[in-house]
Amino acid sequence: MVHVKFCGIRRPEDTEAVNRLKPDLAGFVFAKSKRQISREQAAGLKKQLDPKIKTVAVLVNMPAEEAAALANSGIADLLQLHGDEDAVYIAALRKRTRAKIIKAIRLQGTEVDNTLMKEAQQTDFYLFDTFVPDAYGGTGKTFSLSLLKGVRIEKPFFLAGGLDADNVAGIIGQVQKDTTLLPNFYGVDVSGGIETDGYKDAIKMEAFMKAIRG
């Protein structure tokens, strides 16, 4: 089963669409971006969501105490680290919460930075996204799966970056044909690909789900 995360949920109409379409996870962005929401907004949206849908706090270099508080208060079921969080930070976070942790690894050039992979070893999931200078994520840029060739991926991972209803099935198909990637392939993460004019579009959200699950 391919798990689906809709990221950047920020309005009541977004939660209505999420509850109807039932992705596995919904992301709240706390990092500075056009999709950023406050802790209070996230708490309100969490109450509106089907409890079966797990919430993910998307963070960039937030102090470990604050990040843990988002999970321990029940606002976020998982924590997604999209900044420069290193092994020391992750260890500190582990001491403060039992929430599962996703670490984003932004890909560039011709190979994966093994140092980044090593720093993220304590987390529960990897999330592979596209590297764009001066941006920590949500850029809508795709990357070639060839960048993951030969990389030892020893935990479940998400794919992100430029996914939409038109390309997601093909990308999933490529992963499913790759015997090295498939065993740990967990899911996909989409944000910009289900938006129109910067806001979540229920029609595009539905099309994305249909592209994956029919």
N, C-alpha and C. Protein backbone atom coordinates (compact mmCIF):
# COMPACT_ATOMS: atom_id res chain seq x y z
N MET A 1 0.84 -1.20 0.00
CA MET A 1 0.00 0.00 0.00
C MET A 1 0.87 1.25 0.00
N VAL A 2 0.56 2.17 -0.87
CA VAL A 2 1.28 3.44 -0.94
C VAL A 2 0.55 4.45 -0.03
N HIS A 3 1.24 4.92 0.99
CA HIS A 3 0.65 5.89 1.89
C HIS A 3 0.71 7.28 1.26
N VAL A 4 -0.30 8.08 1.54
CA VAL A 4 -0.40 9.41 0.94
C VAL A 4 -0.43 10.47 2.04
N LYS A 5 0.41 11.49 1.88
CA LYS A 5 0.40 12.64 2.79
C LYS A 5 0.04 13.89 2.00
N PHE A 6 -1.03 14.56 2.42
CA PHE A 6 -1.38 15.87 1.89
C PHE A 6 -0.75 16.90 2.82
N CYS A 7 0.15 17.69 2.33
CA CYS A 7 0.87 18.64 3.17
C CYS A 7 0.37 20.07 2.94
N GLY A 8 0.50 20.90 3.98
CA GLY A 8 0.10 22.29 3.87
C GLY A 8 -1.38 22.54 4.10
N ILE A 9 -2.00 21.72 4.94
CA ILE A 9 -3.41 21.91 5.28
C ILE A 9 -3.52 23.14 6.17
N ARG A 10 -4.42 24.06 5.82
CA ARG A 10 -4.49 25.29 6.62
C ARG A 10 -5.86 25.93 6.72
N ARG A 11 -6.90 25.33 6.10
CA ARG A 11 -8.24 25.92 6.15
C ARG A 11 -9.27 24.83 6.47
N PRO A 12 -10.42 25.22 7.02
CA PRO A 12 -11.47 24.23 7.28
C PRO A 12 -11.89 23.46 6.03
N GLU A 13 -11.92 24.14 4.89
CA GLU A 13 -12.30 23.44 3.65
C GLU A 13 -11.24 22.42 3.24
N ASP A 14 -10.01 22.64 3.66
CA ASP A 14 -8.96 21.65 3.41
C ASP A 14 -9.24 20.38 4.21
N THR A 15 -9.60 20.55 5.47
CA THR A 15 -9.87 19.37 6.31
C THR A 15 -11.11 18.64 5.83
N GLU A 16 -12.08 19.36 5.30
CA GLU A 16 -13.28 18.71 4.75
C GLU A 16 -12.89 17.79 3.60
N ALA A 17 -12.04 18.27 2.71
CA ALA A 17 -11.59 17.45 1.58
C ALA A 17 -10.76 16.27 2.06
N VAL A 18 -9.89 16.50 3.04
CA VAL A 18 -9.06 15.42 3.58
C VAL A 18 -9.94 14.33 4.19
N ASN A 19 -10.94 14.73 4.96
CA ASN A 19 -11.83 13.75 5.59
C ASN A 19 -12.60 12.93 4.56
N ARG A 20 -12.93 13.55 3.46
CA ARG A 20 -13.68 12.85 2.41
C ARG A 20 -12.78 11.90 1.62
N LEU A 21 -11.56 12.35 1.31
CA LEU A 21 -10.68 11.58 0.44
C LEU A 21 -9.80 10.59 1.20
N LYS A 22 -9.61 10.84 2.48
CA LYS A 22 -8.90 9.91 3.37
C LYS A 22 -7.48 9.55 2.95
N PRO A 23 -6.60 10.55 2.79
CA PRO A 23 -5.17 10.22 2.73
C PRO A 23 -4.77 9.71 4.10
N ASP A 24 -3.59 9.17 4.20
CA ASP A 24 -3.14 8.59 5.47
C ASP A 24 -2.64 9.64 6.45
N LEU A 25 -2.10 10.73 5.90
CA LEU A 25 -1.50 11.76 6.74
C LEU A 25 -1.84 13.15 6.21
N ALA A 26 -1.89 14.10 7.12
CA ALA A 26 -2.11 15.50 6.76
C ALA A 26 -1.04 16.35 7.44
N GLY A 27 -0.40 17.21 6.67
CA GLY A 27 0.71 17.99 7.20
C GLY A 27 0.35 19.42 7.53
N PHE A 28 0.79 19.87 8.72
CA PHE A 28 0.68 21.26 9.13
C PHE A 28 2.06 21.89 9.04
N VAL A 29 2.20 22.97 8.32
CA VAL A 29 3.50 23.61 8.14
C VAL A 29 3.67 24.69 9.20
N PHE A 30 4.69 24.52 10.05
CA PHE A 30 5.00 25.50 11.08
C PHE A 30 6.21 26.35 10.67
N ALA A 31 6.90 25.93 9.64
CA ALA A 31 8.05 26.70 9.15
C ALA A 31 7.58 27.90 8.35
N LYS A 32 8.44 28.90 8.27
CA LYS A 32 8.10 30.11 7.54
C LYS A 32 7.86 29.80 6.07
N SER A 33 6.65 30.01 5.59
CA SER A 33 6.30 29.79 4.20
C SER A 33 4.88 30.32 3.98
N LYS A 34 4.44 30.28 2.74
CA LYS A 34 3.09 30.74 2.44
C LYS A 34 2.03 29.82 3.04
N ARG A 35 2.44 28.62 3.45
CA ARG A 35 1.51 27.65 4.03
C ARG A 35 1.60 27.59 5.55
N GLN A 36 2.38 28.47 6.13
CA GLN A 36 2.60 28.42 7.58
C GLN A 36 1.32 28.70 8.36
N ILE A 37 1.11 27.93 9.43
CA ILE A 37 0.00 28.18 10.35
C ILE A 37 0.54 28.20 11.78
N SER A 38 -0.26 28.72 12.69
CA SER A 38 0.14 28.79 14.09
C SER A 38 -0.23 27.51 14.81
N ARG A 39 0.30 27.38 16.01
CA ARG A 39 -0.05 26.24 16.85
C ARG A 39 -1.56 26.21 17.12
N GLU A 40 -2.13 27.37 17.36
CA GLU A 40 -3.56 27.47 17.65
C GLU A 40 -4.39 27.05 16.44
N GLN A 41 -3.99 27.49 15.26
CA GLN A 41 -4.71 27.09 14.04
C GLN A 41 -4.62 25.58 13.83
N ALA A 42 -3.43 25.04 14.05
CA ALA A 42 -3.24 23.60 13.86
C ALA A 42 -4.10 22.80 14.84
N ALA A 43 -4.17 23.27 16.08
CA ALA A 43 -4.98 22.57 17.07
C ALA A 43 -6.45 22.54 16.65
N GLY A 44 -6.93 23.65 16.10
CA GLY A 44 -8.31 23.70 15.64
C GLY A 44 -8.56 22.78 14.46
N LEU A 45 -7.63 22.75 13.52
CA LEU A 45 -7.77 21.88 12.36
C LEU A 45 -7.68 20.41 12.75
N LYS A 46 -6.81 20.11 13.72
CA LYS A 46 -6.67 18.73 14.20
C LYS A 46 -8.01 18.22 14.73
N LYS A 47 -8.74 19.05 15.43
CA LYS A 47 -10.03 18.65 15.98
C LYS A 47 -11.05 18.34 14.89
N GLN A 48 -10.88 18.98 13.73
CA GLN A 48 -11.82 18.78 12.62
C GLN A 48 -11.51 17.53 11.81
N LEU A 49 -10.30 17.00 11.96
CA LEU A 49 -9.88 15.87 11.13
C LEU A 49 -10.37 14.53 11.67
N ASP A 50 -10.64 13.63 10.77
CA ASP A 50 -10.91 12.25 11.13
C ASP A 50 -9.73 11.73 11.95
N PRO A 51 -9.96 11.19 13.15
CA PRO A 51 -8.85 10.75 13.99
C PRO A 51 -7.99 9.65 13.38
N LYS A 52 -8.50 8.99 12.34
CA LYS A 52 -7.71 7.96 11.68
C LYS A 52 -6.60 8.56 10.80
N ILE A 53 -6.74 9.84 10.48
CA ILE A 53 -5.75 10.52 9.64
C ILE A 53 -4.69 11.14 10.54
N LYS A 54 -3.47 10.68 10.41
CA LYS A 54 -2.37 11.15 11.25
C LYS A 54 -1.92 12.54 10.82
N THR A 55 -1.59 13.37 11.79
CA THR A 55 -1.11 14.70 11.49
C THR A 55 0.41 14.78 11.63
N VAL A 56 1.01 15.58 10.76
CA VAL A 56 2.47 15.72 10.72
C VAL A 56 2.82 17.19 10.85
N ALA A 57 3.67 17.53 11.82
CA ALA A 57 4.18 18.89 11.96
C ALA A 57 5.43 19.03 11.11
N VAL A 58 5.38 19.93 10.14
CA VAL A 58 6.52 20.16 9.24
C VAL A 58 7.33 21.32 9.81
N LEU A 59 8.58 21.04 10.18
CA LEU A 59 9.38 21.97 10.96
C LEU A 59 10.72 22.26 10.28
N VAL A 60 11.22 23.46 10.50
CA VAL A 60 12.55 23.83 10.03
C VAL A 60 13.30 24.47 11.19
N ASN A 61 14.24 23.71 11.75
CA ASN A 61 15.13 24.21 12.80
C ASN A 61 14.38 24.75 14.02
N MET A 62 13.25 24.19 14.35
CA MET A 62 12.52 24.59 15.56
C MET A 62 13.23 24.01 16.78
N PRO A 63 13.34 24.75 17.87
CA PRO A 63 13.95 24.19 19.08
C PRO A 63 13.29 22.86 19.46
N ALA A 64 14.10 21.92 19.92
CA ALA A 64 13.61 20.58 20.19
C ALA A 64 12.47 20.58 21.22
N GLU A 65 12.56 21.47 22.20
CA GLU A 65 11.51 21.53 23.22
C GLU A 65 10.16 21.90 22.60
N GLU A 66 10.17 22.86 21.68
CA GLU A 66 8.94 23.30 21.03
C GLU A 66 8.40 22.22 20.10
N ALA A 67 9.29 21.57 19.39
CA ALA A 67 8.87 20.50 18.48
C ALA A 67 8.23 19.37 19.25
N ALA A 68 8.86 18.96 20.34
CA ALA A 68 8.31 17.88 21.15
C ALA A 68 6.96 18.25 21.73
N ALA A 69 6.79 19.51 22.09
CA ALA A 69 5.52 19.96 22.66
C ALA A 69 4.37 19.82 21.67
N LEU A 70 4.64 20.03 20.39
CA LEU A 70 3.60 19.86 19.37
C LEU A 70 3.09 18.42 19.35
N ALA A 71 4.01 17.49 19.52
CA ALA A 71 3.62 16.08 19.53
C ALA A 71 2.98 15.69 20.86
N ASN A 72 3.58 16.09 21.95
CA ASN A 72 3.11 15.67 23.27
C ASN A 72 1.75 16.28 23.62
N SER A 73 1.41 17.40 22.98
CA SER A 73 0.11 18.03 23.20
C SER A 73 -1.00 17.40 22.35
N GLY A 74 -0.60 16.54 21.40
CA GLY A 74 -1.58 15.89 20.55
C GLY A 74 -1.86 16.60 19.24
N ILE A 75 -1.22 17.73 19.00
CA ILE A 75 -1.44 18.45 17.74
C ILE A 75 -0.85 17.68 16.57
N ALA A 76 0.33 17.09 16.77
CA ALA A 76 1.00 16.35 15.71
C ALA A 76 1.28 14.92 16.15
N ASP A 77 0.97 13.98 15.27
CA ASP A 77 1.27 12.58 15.55
C ASP A 77 2.70 12.22 15.14
N LEU A 78 3.21 12.93 14.14
CA LEU A 78 4.59 12.74 13.68
C LEU A 78 5.24 14.11 13.51
N LEU A 79 6.57 14.11 13.54
CA LEU A 79 7.34 15.34 13.36
C LEU A 79 8.21 15.18 12.12
N GLN A 80 8.12 16.13 11.21
CA GLN A 80 8.91 16.09 9.97
C GLN A 80 9.94 17.21 9.99
N LEU A 81 11.20 16.84 9.98
CA LEU A 81 12.29 17.80 10.07
C LEU A 81 12.79 18.14 8.68
N HIS A 82 12.65 19.40 8.31
CA HIS A 82 12.98 19.81 6.95
C HIS A 82 14.15 20.79 6.89
N GLY A 83 14.81 20.99 8.02
CA GLY A 83 15.89 21.96 8.05
C GLY A 83 17.26 21.33 8.17
N ASP A 84 18.09 21.93 9.02
CA ASP A 84 19.47 21.48 9.19
C ASP A 84 19.64 20.64 10.45
N GLU A 85 18.58 20.02 10.91
CA GLU A 85 18.63 19.24 12.15
C GLU A 85 19.62 18.08 12.00
N ASP A 86 20.55 18.01 12.94
CA ASP A 86 21.59 16.98 12.86
C ASP A 86 21.32 15.87 13.88
N ALA A 87 22.27 14.95 14.00
CA ALA A 87 22.09 13.80 14.90
C ALA A 87 21.94 14.23 16.36
N VAL A 88 22.64 15.29 16.76
CA VAL A 88 22.56 15.78 18.13
C VAL A 88 21.14 16.31 18.40
N TYR A 89 20.62 17.07 17.45
CA TYR A 89 19.26 17.60 17.58
C TYR A 89 18.25 16.45 17.66
N ILE A 90 18.38 15.48 16.77
CA ILE A 90 17.43 14.37 16.73
C ILE A 90 17.47 13.57 18.03
N ALA A 91 18.67 13.38 18.59
CA ALA A 91 18.79 12.67 19.87
C ALA A 91 18.10 13.45 20.98
N ALA A 92 18.24 14.77 20.96
CA ALA A 92 17.57 15.60 21.97
C ALA A 92 16.06 15.52 21.82
N LEU A 93 15.59 15.47 20.60
CA LEU A 93 14.16 15.36 20.35
C LEU A 93 13.63 14.01 20.82
N ARG A 94 14.40 12.97 20.58
CA ARG A 94 14.03 11.62 21.00
C ARG A 94 13.82 11.54 22.52
N LYS A 95 14.60 12.30 23.26
CA LYS A 95 14.50 12.27 24.72
C LYS A 95 13.22 12.94 25.21
N ARG A 96 12.65 13.79 24.36
CA ARG A 96 11.51 14.60 24.78
C ARG A 96 10.16 14.10 24.28
N THR A 97 10.15 13.22 23.31
CA THR A 97 8.89 12.73 22.77
C THR A 97 9.06 11.34 22.19
N ARG A 98 7.94 10.61 22.17
CA ARG A 98 7.94 9.27 21.56
C ARG A 98 7.35 9.32 20.16
N ALA A 99 7.02 10.50 19.67
CA ALA A 99 6.45 10.63 18.34
C ALA A 99 7.45 10.16 17.28
N LYS A 100 6.95 9.58 16.22
CA LYS A 100 7.82 9.16 15.12
C LYS A 100 8.33 10.40 14.38
N ILE A 101 9.52 10.25 13.84
CA ILE A 101 10.21 11.38 13.21
C ILE A 101 10.53 11.07 11.75
N ILE A 102 10.24 12.02 10.89
CA ILE A 102 10.58 11.96 9.47
C ILE A 102 11.68 12.98 9.23
N LYS A 103 12.73 12.60 8.52
CA LYS A 103 13.79 13.55 8.18
C LYS A 103 13.86 13.73 6.68
N ALA A 104 13.69 14.96 6.25
CA ALA A 104 13.78 15.28 4.83
C ALA A 104 15.23 15.36 4.39
N ILE A 105 15.52 14.72 3.27
CA ILE A 105 16.85 14.76 2.66
C ILE A 105 16.68 15.29 1.26
N ARG A 106 17.24 16.48 1.03
CA ARG A 106 17.07 17.14 -0.27
C ARG A 106 18.18 16.71 -1.22
N LEU A 107 17.77 16.27 -2.39
CA LEU A 107 18.70 15.67 -3.35
C LEU A 107 19.16 16.69 -4.37
N GLN A 108 20.45 16.63 -4.68
CA GLN A 108 21.01 17.50 -5.71
C GLN A 108 22.20 16.80 -6.35
N GLY A 109 22.66 17.34 -7.47
CA GLY A 109 23.83 16.77 -8.14
C GLY A 109 23.56 15.38 -8.68
N THR A 110 24.53 14.52 -8.50
CA THR A 110 24.44 13.18 -9.08
C THR A 110 24.35 12.07 -8.05
N GLU A 111 24.38 12.42 -6.76
CA GLU A 111 24.33 11.36 -5.75
C GLU A 111 23.78 11.91 -4.44
N VAL A 112 23.40 11.00 -3.57
CA VAL A 112 22.88 11.37 -2.27
C VAL A 112 24.05 11.66 -1.33
N ASP A 113 23.90 12.70 -0.52
CA ASP A 113 24.92 13.05 0.47
C ASP A 113 24.85 12.04 1.61
N ASN A 114 25.83 11.15 1.70
CA ASN A 114 25.83 10.10 2.72
C ASN A 114 25.93 10.66 4.13
N THR A 115 26.50 11.86 4.26
CA THR A 115 26.56 12.50 5.57
C THR A 115 25.16 12.79 6.08
N LEU A 116 24.29 13.28 5.20
CA LEU A 116 22.91 13.56 5.58
C LEU A 116 22.19 12.29 5.98
N MET A 117 22.42 11.23 5.24
CA MET A 117 21.80 9.95 5.57
C MET A 117 22.25 9.48 6.95
N LYS A 118 23.52 9.65 7.24
CA LYS A 118 24.06 9.21 8.53
C LYS A 118 23.48 10.03 9.67
N GLU A 119 23.34 11.35 9.46
CA GLU A 119 22.79 12.22 10.50
C GLU A 119 21.35 11.83 10.83
N ALA A 120 20.64 11.28 9.85
CA ALA A 120 19.22 10.97 10.01
C ALA A 120 18.95 9.54 10.47
N GLN A 121 19.99 8.82 10.85
CA GLN A 121 19.81 7.40 11.18
C GLN A 121 18.87 7.14 12.34
N GLN A 122 18.75 8.10 13.25
CA GLN A 122 17.90 7.89 14.43
C GLN A 122 16.41 8.10 14.16
N THR A 123 16.09 8.58 12.98
CA THR A 123 14.69 8.86 12.67
C THR A 123 13.97 7.59 12.22
N ASP A 124 12.66 7.71 12.03
CA ASP A 124 11.84 6.56 11.64
C ASP A 124 11.62 6.47 10.14
N PHE A 125 11.65 7.63 9.48
CA PHE A 125 11.41 7.68 8.04
C PHE A 125 12.37 8.69 7.40
N TYR A 126 12.72 8.42 6.15
CA TYR A 126 13.34 9.44 5.30
C TYR A 126 12.24 10.04 4.42
N LEU A 127 12.45 11.27 4.01
CA LEU A 127 11.63 11.88 2.96
C LEU A 127 12.58 12.50 1.96
N PHE A 128 12.57 12.00 0.74
CA PHE A 128 13.46 12.51 -0.29
C PHE A 128 12.75 13.60 -1.08
N ASP A 129 13.38 14.77 -1.13
CA ASP A 129 12.81 15.94 -1.79
C ASP A 129 13.89 16.55 -2.67
N THR A 130 13.51 17.54 -3.45
CA THR A 130 14.44 18.19 -4.37
C THR A 130 15.15 19.35 -3.68
N PHE A 131 16.46 19.42 -3.87
CA PHE A 131 17.22 20.55 -3.34
C PHE A 131 17.02 21.77 -4.21
N VAL A 132 16.64 22.87 -3.57
CA VAL A 132 16.57 24.17 -4.24
C VAL A 132 17.26 25.16 -3.31
N PRO A 133 18.23 25.94 -3.80
CA PRO A 133 18.93 26.88 -2.93
C PRO A 133 17.96 27.84 -2.24
N ASP A 134 18.23 28.11 -0.96
CA ASP A 134 17.45 29.07 -0.17
C ASP A 134 16.01 28.64 0.07
N ALA A 135 15.73 27.34 -0.09
CA ALA A 135 14.38 26.84 0.19
C ALA A 135 14.52 25.48 0.85
N TYR A 136 13.74 25.26 1.89
CA TYR A 136 13.82 23.99 2.62
C TYR A 136 12.82 22.96 2.13
N GLY A 137 11.93 23.34 1.22
CA GLY A 137 10.96 22.38 0.71
C GLY A 137 9.76 23.10 0.11
N GLY A 138 8.80 22.30 -0.38
CA GLY A 138 7.59 22.87 -0.94
C GLY A 138 7.80 23.66 -2.21
N THR A 139 8.85 23.31 -2.96
CA THR A 139 9.18 24.09 -4.16
C THR A 139 8.47 23.59 -5.42
N GLY A 140 7.94 22.39 -5.38
CA GLY A 140 7.26 21.84 -6.55
C GLY A 140 8.21 21.35 -7.63
N LYS A 141 9.46 21.15 -7.29
CA LYS A 141 10.46 20.68 -8.25
C LYS A 141 10.66 19.17 -8.10
N THR A 142 10.71 18.47 -9.22
CA THR A 142 10.93 17.03 -9.19
C THR A 142 12.43 16.71 -9.22
N PHE A 143 12.76 15.47 -8.88
CA PHE A 143 14.13 14.99 -9.02
C PHE A 143 14.10 13.63 -9.69
N SER A 144 15.21 13.24 -10.26
CA SER A 144 15.30 11.96 -10.94
C SER A 144 15.53 10.85 -9.92
N LEU A 145 14.78 9.76 -10.06
CA LEU A 145 14.98 8.62 -9.17
C LEU A 145 16.36 8.00 -9.34
N SER A 146 17.03 8.34 -10.41
CA SER A 146 18.38 7.82 -10.61
C SER A 146 19.33 8.27 -9.50
N LEU A 147 18.98 9.38 -8.81
CA LEU A 147 19.82 9.86 -7.70
C LEU A 147 19.83 8.87 -6.54
N LEU A 148 18.84 7.99 -6.49
CA LEU A 148 18.76 7.02 -5.40
C LEU A 148 19.39 5.68 -5.76
N LYS A 149 19.89 5.56 -6.98
CA LYS A 149 20.51 4.30 -7.39
C LYS A 149 21.73 3.99 -6.53
N GLY A 150 21.77 2.81 -6.00
CA GLY A 150 22.91 2.39 -5.21
C GLY A 150 22.94 2.90 -3.79
N VAL A 151 21.93 3.67 -3.39
CA VAL A 151 21.89 4.20 -2.03
C VAL A 151 21.30 3.16 -1.09
N ARG A 152 21.93 2.93 0.04
CA ARG A 152 21.40 1.99 1.02
C ARG A 152 20.33 2.69 1.84
N ILE A 153 19.10 2.34 1.58
CA ILE A 153 17.97 2.94 2.30
C ILE A 153 17.42 1.86 3.22
N GLU A 154 17.66 2.03 4.51
CA GLU A 154 17.36 0.96 5.46
C GLU A 154 16.15 1.26 6.34
N LYS A 155 15.34 2.22 5.92
CA LYS A 155 14.12 2.51 6.66
C LYS A 155 13.06 3.00 5.69
N PRO A 156 11.80 3.03 6.08
CA PRO A 156 10.75 3.47 5.17
C PRO A 156 10.99 4.90 4.69
N PHE A 157 10.60 5.17 3.46
CA PHE A 157 10.81 6.51 2.93
C PHE A 157 9.62 7.01 2.13
N PHE A 158 9.47 8.34 2.14
CA PHE A 158 8.50 9.05 1.31
C PHE A 158 9.23 9.68 0.13
N LEU A 159 8.50 9.86 -0.96
CA LEU A 159 8.98 10.66 -2.08
C LEU A 159 8.17 11.95 -2.13
N ALA A 160 8.84 13.06 -2.37
CA ALA A 160 8.19 14.36 -2.47
C ALA A 160 8.85 15.15 -3.60
N GLY A 161 8.27 16.29 -3.91
CA GLY A 161 8.88 17.16 -4.91
C GLY A 161 8.20 17.10 -6.26
N GLY A 162 7.31 18.05 -6.52
CA GLY A 162 6.71 18.17 -7.85
C GLY A 162 5.70 17.11 -8.21
N LEU A 163 5.17 16.39 -7.25
CA LEU A 163 4.19 15.35 -7.56
C LEU A 163 2.82 15.96 -7.83
N ASP A 164 2.09 15.36 -8.77
CA ASP A 164 0.72 15.76 -9.03
C ASP A 164 -0.03 14.57 -9.63
N ALA A 165 -1.29 14.78 -9.96
CA ALA A 165 -2.12 13.68 -10.45
C ALA A 165 -1.61 13.13 -11.78
N ASP A 166 -0.91 13.94 -12.54
CA ASP A 166 -0.45 13.51 -13.86
C ASP A 166 0.81 12.65 -13.81
N ASN A 167 1.65 12.85 -12.79
CA ASN A 167 2.92 12.12 -12.79
C ASN A 167 3.08 11.09 -11.67
N VAL A 168 2.21 11.15 -10.65
CA VAL A 168 2.46 10.32 -9.47
C VAL A 168 2.38 8.82 -9.76
N ALA A 169 1.43 8.40 -10.58
CA ALA A 169 1.31 6.97 -10.88
C ALA A 169 2.55 6.46 -11.60
N GLY A 170 3.07 7.26 -12.53
CA GLY A 170 4.27 6.85 -13.25
C GLY A 170 5.48 6.74 -12.35
N ILE A 171 5.63 7.69 -11.42
CA ILE A 171 6.76 7.66 -10.50
C ILE A 171 6.65 6.47 -9.56
N ILE A 172 5.44 6.20 -9.06
CA ILE A 172 5.25 5.02 -8.22
C ILE A 172 5.58 3.76 -9.00
N GLY A 173 5.19 3.72 -10.26
CA GLY A 173 5.49 2.56 -11.10
C GLY A 173 6.98 2.34 -11.24
N GLN A 174 7.75 3.43 -11.38
CA GLN A 174 9.20 3.30 -11.47
C GLN A 174 9.78 2.69 -10.20
N VAL A 175 9.28 3.15 -9.05
CA VAL A 175 9.78 2.63 -7.77
C VAL A 175 9.43 1.16 -7.64
N GLN A 176 8.22 0.80 -8.03
CA GLN A 176 7.78 -0.59 -7.86
C GLN A 176 8.55 -1.56 -8.74
N LYS A 177 9.17 -1.05 -9.80
CA LYS A 177 9.98 -1.89 -10.67
C LYS A 177 11.43 -2.00 -10.19
N ASP A 178 11.78 -1.19 -9.19
CA ASP A 178 13.15 -1.16 -8.70
C ASP A 178 13.25 -2.01 -7.44
N THR A 179 13.90 -3.14 -7.54
CA THR A 179 13.95 -4.08 -6.42
C THR A 179 14.74 -3.57 -5.23
N THR A 180 15.55 -2.54 -5.43
CA THR A 180 16.31 -1.98 -4.31
C THR A 180 15.49 -0.92 -3.56
N LEU A 181 14.63 -0.20 -4.27
CA LEU A 181 13.83 0.85 -3.64
C LEU A 181 12.53 0.32 -3.05
N LEU A 182 11.92 -0.63 -3.74
CA LEU A 182 10.57 -1.07 -3.37
C LEU A 182 10.43 -1.56 -1.93
N PRO A 183 11.37 -2.33 -1.37
CA PRO A 183 11.15 -2.88 -0.03
C PRO A 183 10.86 -1.83 1.05
N ASN A 184 11.46 -0.64 0.91
CA ASN A 184 11.27 0.39 1.94
C ASN A 184 10.43 1.57 1.47
N PHE A 185 9.84 1.47 0.30
CA PHE A 185 9.01 2.55 -0.21
C PHE A 185 7.72 2.62 0.61
N TYR A 186 7.51 3.76 1.27
CA TYR A 186 6.37 3.89 2.18
C TYR A 186 5.24 4.74 1.59
N GLY A 187 5.60 5.89 0.98
CA GLY A 187 4.52 6.74 0.50
C GLY A 187 4.98 7.96 -0.25
N VAL A 188 4.01 8.81 -0.57
CA VAL A 188 4.27 10.04 -1.32
C VAL A 188 3.73 11.23 -0.54
N ASP A 189 4.36 12.37 -0.76
CA ASP A 189 4.03 13.60 -0.05
C ASP A 189 3.77 14.67 -1.10
N VAL A 190 2.58 15.28 -1.06
CA VAL A 190 2.21 16.26 -2.08
C VAL A 190 1.70 17.53 -1.42
N SER A 191 2.02 18.66 -2.04
CA SER A 191 1.50 19.94 -1.55
C SER A 191 1.10 20.83 -2.72
N GLY A 192 2.08 21.38 -3.41
CA GLY A 192 1.79 22.28 -4.52
C GLY A 192 1.00 21.63 -5.64
N GLY A 193 1.18 20.33 -5.83
CA GLY A 193 0.50 19.62 -6.90
C GLY A 193 -0.99 19.44 -6.69
N ILE A 194 -1.48 19.79 -5.50
CA ILE A 194 -2.92 19.73 -5.24
C ILE A 194 -3.44 21.12 -4.88
N GLU A 195 -2.80 22.15 -5.46
CA GLU A 195 -3.20 23.53 -5.19
C GLU A 195 -3.53 24.27 -6.47
N THR A 196 -4.34 25.29 -6.34
CA THR A 196 -4.61 26.26 -7.39
C THR A 196 -4.48 27.65 -6.77
N ASP A 197 -3.64 28.48 -7.36
CA ASP A 197 -3.41 29.84 -6.85
C ASP A 197 -2.99 29.84 -5.37
N GLY A 198 -2.20 28.83 -5.00
CA GLY A 198 -1.64 28.79 -3.66
C GLY A 198 -2.52 28.19 -2.58
N TYR A 199 -3.69 27.69 -2.96
CA TYR A 199 -4.59 27.09 -1.97
C TYR A 199 -4.98 25.69 -2.41
N LYS A 200 -5.23 24.83 -1.42
CA LYS A 200 -5.62 23.46 -1.72
C LYS A 200 -6.88 23.45 -2.58
N ASP A 201 -6.87 22.58 -3.57
CA ASP A 201 -7.95 22.46 -4.55
C ASP A 201 -8.55 21.06 -4.41
N ALA A 202 -9.78 20.99 -3.95
CA ALA A 202 -10.42 19.70 -3.68
C ALA A 202 -10.48 18.81 -4.92
N ILE A 203 -10.63 19.41 -6.08
CA ILE A 203 -10.70 18.64 -7.33
C ILE A 203 -9.35 17.99 -7.61
N LYS A 204 -8.27 18.76 -7.43
CA LYS A 204 -6.93 18.21 -7.65
C LYS A 204 -6.57 17.18 -6.58
N MET A 205 -7.04 17.39 -5.37
CA MET A 205 -6.79 16.43 -4.30
C MET A 205 -7.46 15.10 -4.65
N GLU A 206 -8.68 15.17 -5.15
CA GLU A 206 -9.40 13.94 -5.53
C GLU A 206 -8.71 13.25 -6.69
N ALA A 207 -8.27 14.04 -7.68
CA ALA A 207 -7.59 13.46 -8.84
C ALA A 207 -6.30 12.76 -8.42
N PHE A 208 -5.60 13.35 -7.44
CA PHE A 208 -4.36 12.73 -6.97
C PHE A 208 -4.64 11.39 -6.32
N MET A 209 -5.67 11.34 -5.49
CA MET A 209 -6.01 10.08 -4.84
C MET A 209 -6.44 9.02 -5.86
N LYS A 210 -7.20 9.43 -6.86
CA LYS A 210 -7.66 8.49 -7.88
C LYS A 210 -6.49 7.96 -8.69
N ALA A 211 -5.50 8.80 -8.93
CA ALA A 211 -4.32 8.38 -9.69
C ALA A 211 -3.57 7.26 -8.97
N ILE A 212 -3.65 7.26 -7.65
CA ILE A 212 -2.94 6.25 -6.87
C ILE A 212 -3.81 5.05 -6.54
N ARG A 213 -5.04 5.32 -6.12
CA ARG A 213 -5.89 4.24 -5.61
C ARG A 213 -7.06 3.90 -6.50
N GLY A 214 -7.30 4.69 -7.53
CA GLY A 214 -8.38 4.38 -8.46
C GLY A 214 -9.75 4.68 -7.90
